[in-house]
Amino acid sequence: MASSKNTMIMVGAVLALLGTAGLAVPEFNTQQQKDVATVGDLKIQTQEKTPHTIPPLLAGGVLLVGVVLIGGGLLRQT
């Protein structure tokens, strides 16, 4: 039973950290290199930046689920 309790607390902590990070940094970019043209040994490439946004409601929900799992793990009776 203690293993299940510890696992619940650990998963809750990870989710709480991810939710907090999502609220703190709601926007981030990723970069990808794409080949535009290839002529013999010559390659022409471009870098594309793709913006991503984490909805505040999603980040808050993940944080809430994490806190509930931590609380459930601490209050769970053996």
PDB file of N, CA and C in Angstrom:
ATOM      1  N   MET A   1       0.807  -1.198   0.000  1.00  0.00           N
ATOM      2  CA  MET A   1       0.000   0.000   0.000  1.00  0.00           C
ATOM      3  C   MET A   1       0.853   1.267   0.000  1.00  0.00           C
ATOM      4  N   ALA A   2       1.994   1.228   0.675  1.00  0.00           N
ATOM      5  CA  ALA A   2       2.833   2.414   0.758  1.00  0.00           C
ATOM      6  C   ALA A   2       3.368   2.783  -0.619  1.00  0.00           C
ATOM      7  N   SER A   3       3.623   1.792  -1.454  1.00  0.00           N
ATOM      8  CA  SER A   3       4.126   2.053  -2.791  1.00  0.00           C
ATOM      9  C   SER A   3       3.077   2.797  -3.621  1.00  0.00           C
ATOM     10  N   SER A   4       1.817   2.382  -3.502  1.00  0.00           N
ATOM     11  CA  SER A   4       0.730   3.034  -4.218  1.00  0.00           C
ATOM     12  C   SER A   4       0.563   4.474  -3.745  1.00  0.00           C
ATOM     13  N   LYS A   5       0.715   4.670  -2.453  1.00  0.00           N
ATOM     14  CA  LYS A   5       0.593   6.004  -1.867  1.00  0.00           C
ATOM     15  C   LYS A   5       1.727   6.907  -2.357  1.00  0.00           C
ATOM     16  N   ASN A   6       2.947   6.385  -2.362  1.00  0.00           N
ATOM     17  CA  ASN A   6       4.101   7.158  -2.828  1.00  0.00           C
ATOM     18  C   ASN A   6       4.003   7.478  -4.318  1.00  0.00           C
ATOM     19  N   THR A   7       3.521   6.521  -5.097  1.00  0.00           N
ATOM     20  CA  THR A   7       3.355   6.739  -6.532  1.00  0.00           C
ATOM     21  C   THR A   7       2.335   7.837  -6.787  1.00  0.00           C
ATOM     22  N   MET A   8       1.252   7.822  -6.037  1.00  0.00           N
ATOM     23  CA  MET A   8       0.213   8.833  -6.177  1.00  0.00           C
ATOM     24  C   MET A   8       0.761  10.229  -5.866  1.00  0.00           C
ATOM     25  N   ILE A   9       1.565  10.326  -4.831  1.00  0.00           N
ATOM     26  CA  ILE A   9       2.159  11.604  -4.448  1.00  0.00           C
ATOM     27  C   ILE A   9       3.154  12.068  -5.511  1.00  0.00           C
ATOM     28  N   MET A  10       3.968  11.159  -6.033  1.00  0.00           N
ATOM     29  CA  MET A  10       4.968  11.520  -7.045  1.00  0.00           C
ATOM     30  C   MET A  10       4.299  11.986  -8.347  1.00  0.00           C
ATOM     31  N   VAL A  11       3.274  11.272  -8.795  1.00  0.00           N
ATOM     32  CA  VAL A  11       2.556  11.667 -10.012  1.00  0.00           C
ATOM     33  C   VAL A  11       1.891  13.021  -9.788  1.00  0.00           C
ATOM     34  N   GLY A  12       1.317  13.215  -8.613  1.00  0.00           N
ATOM     35  CA  GLY A  12       0.702  14.499  -8.291  1.00  0.00           C
ATOM     36  C   GLY A  12       1.713  15.627  -8.296  1.00  0.00           C
ATOM     37  N   ALA A  13       2.898  15.384  -7.773  1.00  0.00           N
ATOM     38  CA  ALA A  13       3.935  16.414  -7.746  1.00  0.00           C
ATOM     39  C   ALA A  13       4.383  16.778  -9.154  1.00  0.00           C
ATOM     40  N   VAL A  14       4.541  15.774 -10.013  1.00  0.00           N
ATOM     41  CA  VAL A  14       4.952  16.035 -11.402  1.00  0.00           C
ATOM     42  C   VAL A  14       3.870  16.847 -12.123  1.00  0.00           C
ATOM     43  N   LEU A  15       2.604  16.458 -11.937  1.00  0.00           N
ATOM     44  CA  LEU A  15       1.517  17.196 -12.580  1.00  0.00           C
ATOM     45  C   LEU A  15       1.415  18.617 -12.047  1.00  0.00           C
ATOM     46  N   ALA A  16       1.610  18.784 -10.748  1.00  0.00           N
ATOM     47  CA  ALA A  16       1.563  20.128 -10.165  1.00  0.00           C
ATOM     48  C   ALA A  16       2.685  20.998 -10.730  1.00  0.00           C
ATOM     49  N   LEU A  17       3.870  20.435 -10.887  1.00  0.00           N
ATOM     50  CA  LEU A  17       4.985  21.191 -11.474  1.00  0.00           C
ATOM     51  C   LEU A  17       4.719  21.549 -12.937  1.00  0.00           C
ATOM     52  N   LEU A  18       4.164  20.607 -13.701  1.00  0.00           N
ATOM     53  CA  LEU A  18       3.844  20.887 -15.099  1.00  0.00           C
ATOM     54  C   LEU A  18       2.762  21.958 -15.223  1.00  0.00           C
ATOM     55  N   GLY A  19       1.758  21.890 -14.354  1.00  0.00           N
ATOM     56  CA  GLY A  19       0.711  22.905 -14.365  1.00  0.00           C
ATOM     57  C   GLY A  19       1.244  24.274 -14.005  1.00  0.00           C
ATOM     58  N   THR A  20       2.126  24.332 -13.020  1.00  0.00           N
ATOM     59  CA  THR A  20       2.738  25.600 -12.624  1.00  0.00           C
ATOM     60  C   THR A  20       3.599  26.154 -13.757  1.00  0.00           C
ATOM     61  N   ALA A  21       4.363  25.298 -14.409  1.00  0.00           N
ATOM     62  CA  ALA A  21       5.194  25.730 -15.537  1.00  0.00           C
ATOM     63  C   ALA A  21       4.323  26.224 -16.688  1.00  0.00           C
ATOM     64  N   GLY A  22       3.202  25.561 -16.929  1.00  0.00           N
ATOM     65  CA  GLY A  22       2.286  25.988 -17.987  1.00  0.00           C
ATOM     66  C   GLY A  22       1.666  27.341 -17.710  1.00  0.00           C
ATOM     67  N   LEU A  23       1.413  27.632 -16.447  1.00  0.00           N
ATOM     68  CA  LEU A  23       0.878  28.951 -16.098  1.00  0.00           C
ATOM     69  C   LEU A  23       1.957  30.023 -16.144  1.00  0.00           C
ATOM     70  N   ALA A  24       3.188  29.648 -15.778  1.00  0.00           N
ATOM     71  CA  ALA A  24       4.283  30.623 -15.744  1.00  0.00           C
ATOM     72  C   ALA A  24       4.776  30.967 -17.151  1.00  0.00           C
ATOM     73  N   VAL A  25       4.834  29.974 -18.036  1.00  0.00           N
ATOM     74  CA  VAL A  25       5.333  30.185 -19.404  1.00  0.00           C
ATOM     75  C   VAL A  25       4.288  29.616 -20.371  1.00  0.00           C
ATOM     76  N   PRO A  26       3.249  30.403 -20.678  1.00  0.00           N
ATOM     77  CA  PRO A  26       2.165  29.857 -21.510  1.00  0.00           C
ATOM     78  C   PRO A  26       2.480  29.785 -23.000  1.00  0.00           C
ATOM     79  N   GLU A  27       3.552  30.440 -23.451  1.00  0.00           N
ATOM     80  CA  GLU A  27       3.892  30.422 -24.875  1.00  0.00           C
ATOM     81  C   GLU A  27       5.345  30.015 -25.070  1.00  0.00           C
ATOM     82  N   PHE A  28       5.587  29.162 -26.073  1.00  0.00           N
ATOM     83  CA  PHE A  28       6.950  28.773 -26.420  1.00  0.00           C
ATOM     84  C   PHE A  28       7.012  28.480 -27.910  1.00  0.00           C
ATOM     85  N   ASN A  29       8.215  28.519 -28.457  1.00  0.00           N
ATOM     86  CA  ASN A  29       8.437  28.276 -29.881  1.00  0.00           C
ATOM     87  C   ASN A  29       9.290  27.036 -30.077  1.00  0.00           C
ATOM     88  N   THR A  30       9.039  26.336 -31.169  1.00  0.00           N
ATOM     89  CA  THR A  30       9.915  25.249 -31.588  1.00  0.00           C
ATOM     90  C   THR A  30      10.475  25.602 -32.955  1.00  0.00           C
ATOM     91  N   GLN A  31      11.664  25.108 -33.246  1.00  0.00           N
ATOM     92  CA  GLN A  31      12.305  25.371 -34.535  1.00  0.00           C
ATOM     93  C   GLN A  31      12.501  24.067 -35.291  1.00  0.00           C
ATOM     94  N   GLN A  32      12.353  24.160 -36.605  1.00  0.00           N
ATOM     95  CA  GLN A  32      12.534  22.991 -37.453  1.00  0.00           C
ATOM     96  C   GLN A  32      13.235  23.429 -38.726  1.00  0.00           C
ATOM     97  N   GLN A  33      14.256  22.677 -39.131  1.00  0.00           N
ATOM     98  CA  GLN A  33      14.943  22.966 -40.392  1.00  0.00           C
ATOM     99  C   GLN A  33      14.290  22.174 -41.510  1.00  0.00           C
ATOM    100  N   LYS A  34      14.031  22.858 -42.614  1.00  0.00           N
ATOM    101  CA  LYS A  34      13.442  22.206 -43.777  1.00  0.00           C
ATOM    102  C   LYS A  34      14.335  22.452 -44.982  1.00  0.00           C
ATOM    103  N   ASP A  35      14.475  21.449 -45.809  1.00  0.00           N
ATOM    104  CA  ASP A  35      15.213  21.587 -47.066  1.00  0.00           C
ATOM    105  C   ASP A  35      14.298  22.255 -48.087  1.00  0.00           C
ATOM    106  N   VAL A  36      14.760  23.368 -48.641  1.00  0.00           N
ATOM    107  CA  VAL A  36      13.988  24.072 -49.658  1.00  0.00           C
ATOM    108  C   VAL A  36      14.343  23.535 -51.038  1.00  0.00           C
ATOM    109  N   ALA A  37      15.649  23.397 -51.294  1.00  0.00           N
ATOM    110  CA  ALA A  37      16.088  22.904 -52.597  1.00  0.00           C
ATOM    111  C   ALA A  37      17.435  22.210 -52.442  1.00  0.00           C
ATOM    112  N   THR A  38      17.675  21.234 -53.299  1.00  0.00           N
ATOM    113  CA  THR A  38      18.953  20.535 -53.316  1.00  0.00           C
ATOM    114  C   THR A  38      19.424  20.473 -54.767  1.00  0.00           C
ATOM    115  N   VAL A  39      20.619  21.023 -55.009  1.00  0.00           N
ATOM    116  CA  VAL A  39      21.215  20.973 -56.338  1.00  0.00           C
ATOM    117  C   VAL A  39      22.611  20.398 -56.163  1.00  0.00           C
ATOM    118  N   GLY A  40      22.781  19.126 -56.506  1.00  0.00           N
ATOM    119  CA  GLY A  40      24.071  18.459 -56.309  1.00  0.00           C
ATOM    120  C   GLY A  40      24.398  18.411 -54.828  1.00  0.00           C
ATOM    121  N   ASP A  41      25.559  18.967 -54.456  1.00  0.00           N
ATOM    122  CA  ASP A  41      25.965  19.004 -53.061  1.00  0.00           C
ATOM    123  C   ASP A  41      25.426  20.231 -52.332  1.00  0.00           C
ATOM    124  N   LEU A  42      24.834  21.155 -53.056  1.00  0.00           N
ATOM    125  CA  LEU A  42      24.329  22.387 -52.463  1.00  0.00           C
ATOM    126  C   LEU A  42      22.924  22.176 -51.920  1.00  0.00           C
ATOM    127  N   LYS A  43      22.747  22.510 -50.638  1.00  0.00           N
ATOM    128  CA  LYS A  43      21.431  22.419 -50.013  1.00  0.00           C
ATOM    129  C   LYS A  43      21.014  23.805 -49.556  1.00  0.00           C
ATOM    130  N   ILE A  44      19.799  24.157 -49.853  1.00  0.00           N
ATOM    131  CA  ILE A  44      19.242  25.411 -49.346  1.00  0.00           C
ATOM    132  C   ILE A  44      18.207  25.033 -48.303  1.00  0.00           C
ATOM    133  N   GLN A  45      18.436  25.529 -47.084  1.00  0.00           N
ATOM    134  CA  GLN A  45      17.559  25.184 -45.968  1.00  0.00           C
ATOM    135  C   GLN A  45      16.966  26.451 -45.358  1.00  0.00           C
ATOM    136  N   THR A  46      15.869  26.261 -44.691  1.00  0.00           N
ATOM    137  CA  THR A  46      15.249  27.351 -43.959  1.00  0.00           C
ATOM    138  C   THR A  46      14.845  26.844 -42.573  1.00  0.00           C
ATOM    139  N   GLN A  47      14.791  27.758 -41.633  1.00  0.00           N
ATOM    140  CA  GLN A  47      14.331  27.401 -40.293  1.00  0.00           C
ATOM    141  C   GLN A  47      12.944  27.977 -40.093  1.00  0.00           C
ATOM    142  N   GLU A  48      12.041  27.130 -39.651  1.00  0.00           N
ATOM    143  CA  GLU A  48      10.687  27.567 -39.362  1.00  0.00           C
ATOM    144  C   GLU A  48      10.483  27.578 -37.862  1.00  0.00           C
ATOM    145  N   LYS A  49       9.968  28.671 -37.357  1.00  0.00           N
ATOM    146  CA  LYS A  49       9.606  28.756 -35.944  1.00  0.00           C
ATOM    147  C   LYS A  49       8.099  28.573 -35.845  1.00  0.00           C
ATOM    148  N   THR A  50       7.692  27.659 -34.988  1.00  0.00           N
ATOM    149  CA  THR A  50       6.281  27.399 -34.794  1.00  0.00           C
ATOM    150  C   THR A  50       5.910  27.788 -33.367  1.00  0.00           C
ATOM    151  N   PRO A  51       5.010  28.754 -33.208  1.00  0.00           N
ATOM    152  CA  PRO A  51       4.596  29.136 -31.853  1.00  0.00           C
ATOM    153  C   PRO A  51       3.552  28.160 -31.301  1.00  0.00           C
ATOM    154  N   HIS A  52       3.640  27.893 -30.015  1.00  0.00           N
ATOM    155  CA  HIS A  52       2.683  27.029 -29.327  1.00  0.00           C
ATOM    156  C   HIS A  52       2.181  27.770 -28.092  1.00  0.00           C
ATOM    157  N   THR A  53       0.895  27.648 -27.810  1.00  0.00           N
ATOM    158  CA  THR A  53       0.298  28.298 -26.652  1.00  0.00           C
ATOM    159  C   THR A  53      -0.389  27.247 -25.793  1.00  0.00           C
ATOM    160  N   ILE A  54      -0.126  27.301 -24.491  1.00  0.00           N
ATOM    161  CA  ILE A  54      -0.781  26.409 -23.543  1.00  0.00           C
ATOM    162  C   ILE A  54      -1.960  27.166 -22.948  1.00  0.00           C
ATOM    163  N   PRO A  55      -3.178  26.683 -23.136  1.00  0.00           N
ATOM    164  CA  PRO A  55      -4.339  27.386 -22.590  1.00  0.00           C
ATOM    165  C   PRO A  55      -4.267  27.434 -21.056  1.00  0.00           C
ATOM    166  N   PRO A  56      -4.563  28.588 -20.470  1.00  0.00           N
ATOM    167  CA  PRO A  56      -4.502  28.709 -19.003  1.00  0.00           C
ATOM    168  C   PRO A  56      -5.441  27.738 -18.292  1.00  0.00           C
ATOM    169  N   LEU A  57      -6.591  27.463 -18.904  1.00  0.00           N
ATOM    170  CA  LEU A  57      -7.538  26.534 -18.289  1.00  0.00           C
ATOM    171  C   LEU A  57      -6.945  25.124 -18.206  1.00  0.00           C
ATOM    172  N   LEU A  58      -6.229  24.715 -19.231  1.00  0.00           N
ATOM    173  CA  LEU A  58      -5.574  23.402 -19.234  1.00  0.00           C
ATOM    174  C   LEU A  58      -4.472  23.340 -18.177  1.00  0.00           C
ATOM    175  N   ALA A  59      -3.626  24.374 -18.133  1.00  0.00           N
ATOM    176  CA  ALA A  59      -2.544  24.393 -17.151  1.00  0.00           C
ATOM    177  C   ALA A  59      -3.100  24.413 -15.729  1.00  0.00           C
ATOM    178  N   GLY A  60      -4.146  25.189 -15.514  1.00  0.00           N
ATOM    179  CA  GLY A  60      -4.773  25.234 -14.189  1.00  0.00           C
ATOM    180  C   GLY A  60      -5.408  23.905 -13.823  1.00  0.00           C
ATOM    181  N   GLY A  61      -6.005  23.234 -14.800  1.00  0.00           N
ATOM    182  CA  GLY A  61      -6.604  21.916 -14.538  1.00  0.00           C
ATOM    183  C   GLY A  61      -5.560  20.879 -14.176  1.00  0.00           C
ATOM    184  N   VAL A  62      -4.431  20.903 -14.877  1.00  0.00           N
ATOM    185  CA  VAL A  62      -3.339  19.968 -14.566  1.00  0.00           C
ATOM    186  C   VAL A  62      -2.791  20.243 -13.172  1.00  0.00           C
ATOM    187  N   LEU A  63      -2.652  21.516 -12.829  1.00  0.00           N
ATOM    188  CA  LEU A  63      -2.196  21.890 -11.482  1.00  0.00           C
ATOM    189  C   LEU A  63      -3.179  21.402 -10.428  1.00  0.00           C
ATOM    190  N   LEU A  64      -4.461  21.587 -10.670  1.00  0.00           N
ATOM    191  CA  LEU A  64      -5.490  21.152  -9.717  1.00  0.00           C
ATOM    192  C   LEU A  64      -5.488  19.636  -9.539  1.00  0.00           C
ATOM    193  N   VAL A  65      -5.384  18.901 -10.627  1.00  0.00           N
ATOM    194  CA  VAL A  65      -5.339  17.435 -10.536  1.00  0.00           C
ATOM    195  C   VAL A  65      -4.108  16.990  -9.750  1.00  0.00           C
ATOM    196  N   GLY A  66      -2.982  17.653  -9.976  1.00  0.00           N
ATOM    197  CA  GLY A  66      -1.769  17.329  -9.232  1.00  0.00           C
ATOM    198  C   GLY A  66      -1.931  17.558  -7.742  1.00  0.00           C
ATOM    199  N   VAL A  67      -2.532  18.685  -7.375  1.00  0.00           N
ATOM    200  CA  VAL A  67      -2.741  18.989  -5.954  1.00  0.00           C
ATOM    201  C   VAL A  67      -3.710  17.985  -5.324  1.00  0.00           C
ATOM    202  N   VAL A  68      -4.753  17.621  -6.065  1.00  0.00           N
ATOM    203  CA  VAL A  68      -5.705  16.629  -5.542  1.00  0.00           C
ATOM    204  C   VAL A  68      -5.032  15.275  -5.352  1.00  0.00           C
ATOM    205  N   LEU A  69      -4.180  14.859  -6.293  1.00  0.00           N
ATOM    206  CA  LEU A  69      -3.464  13.587  -6.137  1.00  0.00           C
ATOM    207  C   LEU A  69      -2.497  13.617  -4.953  1.00  0.00           C
ATOM    208  N   ILE A  70      -1.826  14.733  -4.758  1.00  0.00           N
ATOM    209  CA  ILE A  70      -0.923  14.846  -3.597  1.00  0.00           C
ATOM    210  C   ILE A  70      -1.732  14.744  -2.316  1.00  0.00           C
ATOM    211  N   GLY A  71      -2.829  15.488  -2.248  1.00  0.00           N
ATOM    212  CA  GLY A  71      -3.690  15.435  -1.060  1.00  0.00           C
ATOM    213  C   GLY A  71      -4.274  14.055  -0.833  1.00  0.00           C
ATOM    214  N   GLY A  72      -4.715  13.398  -1.905  1.00  0.00           N
ATOM    215  CA  GLY A  72      -5.248  12.046  -1.774  1.00  0.00           C
ATOM    216  C   GLY A  72      -4.201  11.052  -1.318  1.00  0.00           C
ATOM    217  N   GLY A  73      -2.989  11.226  -1.798  1.00  0.00           N
ATOM    218  CA  GLY A  73      -1.910  10.331  -1.388  1.00  0.00           C
ATOM    219  C   GLY A  73      -1.531  10.538   0.068  1.00  0.00           C
ATOM    220  N   LEU A  74      -1.584  11.774   0.536  1.00  0.00           N
ATOM    221  CA  LEU A  74      -1.242  12.049   1.933  1.00  0.00           C
ATOM    222  C   LEU A  74      -2.345  11.601   2.883  1.00  0.00           C
ATOM    223  N   LEU A  75      -3.592  11.702   2.448  1.00  0.00           N
ATOM    224  CA  LEU A  75      -4.717  11.362   3.324  1.00  0.00           C
ATOM    225  C   LEU A  75      -5.145   9.901   3.216  1.00  0.00           C
ATOM    226  N   ARG A  76      -4.612   9.194   2.241  1.00  0.00           N
ATOM    227  CA  ARG A  76      -5.012   7.794   2.039  1.00  0.00           C
ATOM    228  C   ARG A  76      -4.616   6.942   3.235  1.00  0.00           C
ATOM    229  N   GLN A  77      -5.576   6.201   3.727  1.00  0.00           N
ATOM    230  CA  GLN A  77      -5.314   5.351   4.895  1.00  0.00           C
ATOM    231  C   GLN A  77      -4.829   3.984   4.427  1.00  0.00           C
ATOM    232  N   THR A  78      -3.871   3.448   5.164  1.00  0.00           N
ATOM    233  CA  THR A  78      -3.310   2.142   4.804  1.00  0.00           C
ATOM    234  C   THR A  78      -4.116   1.014   5.361  1.00  0.00           C
TER     235      THR A  78
END
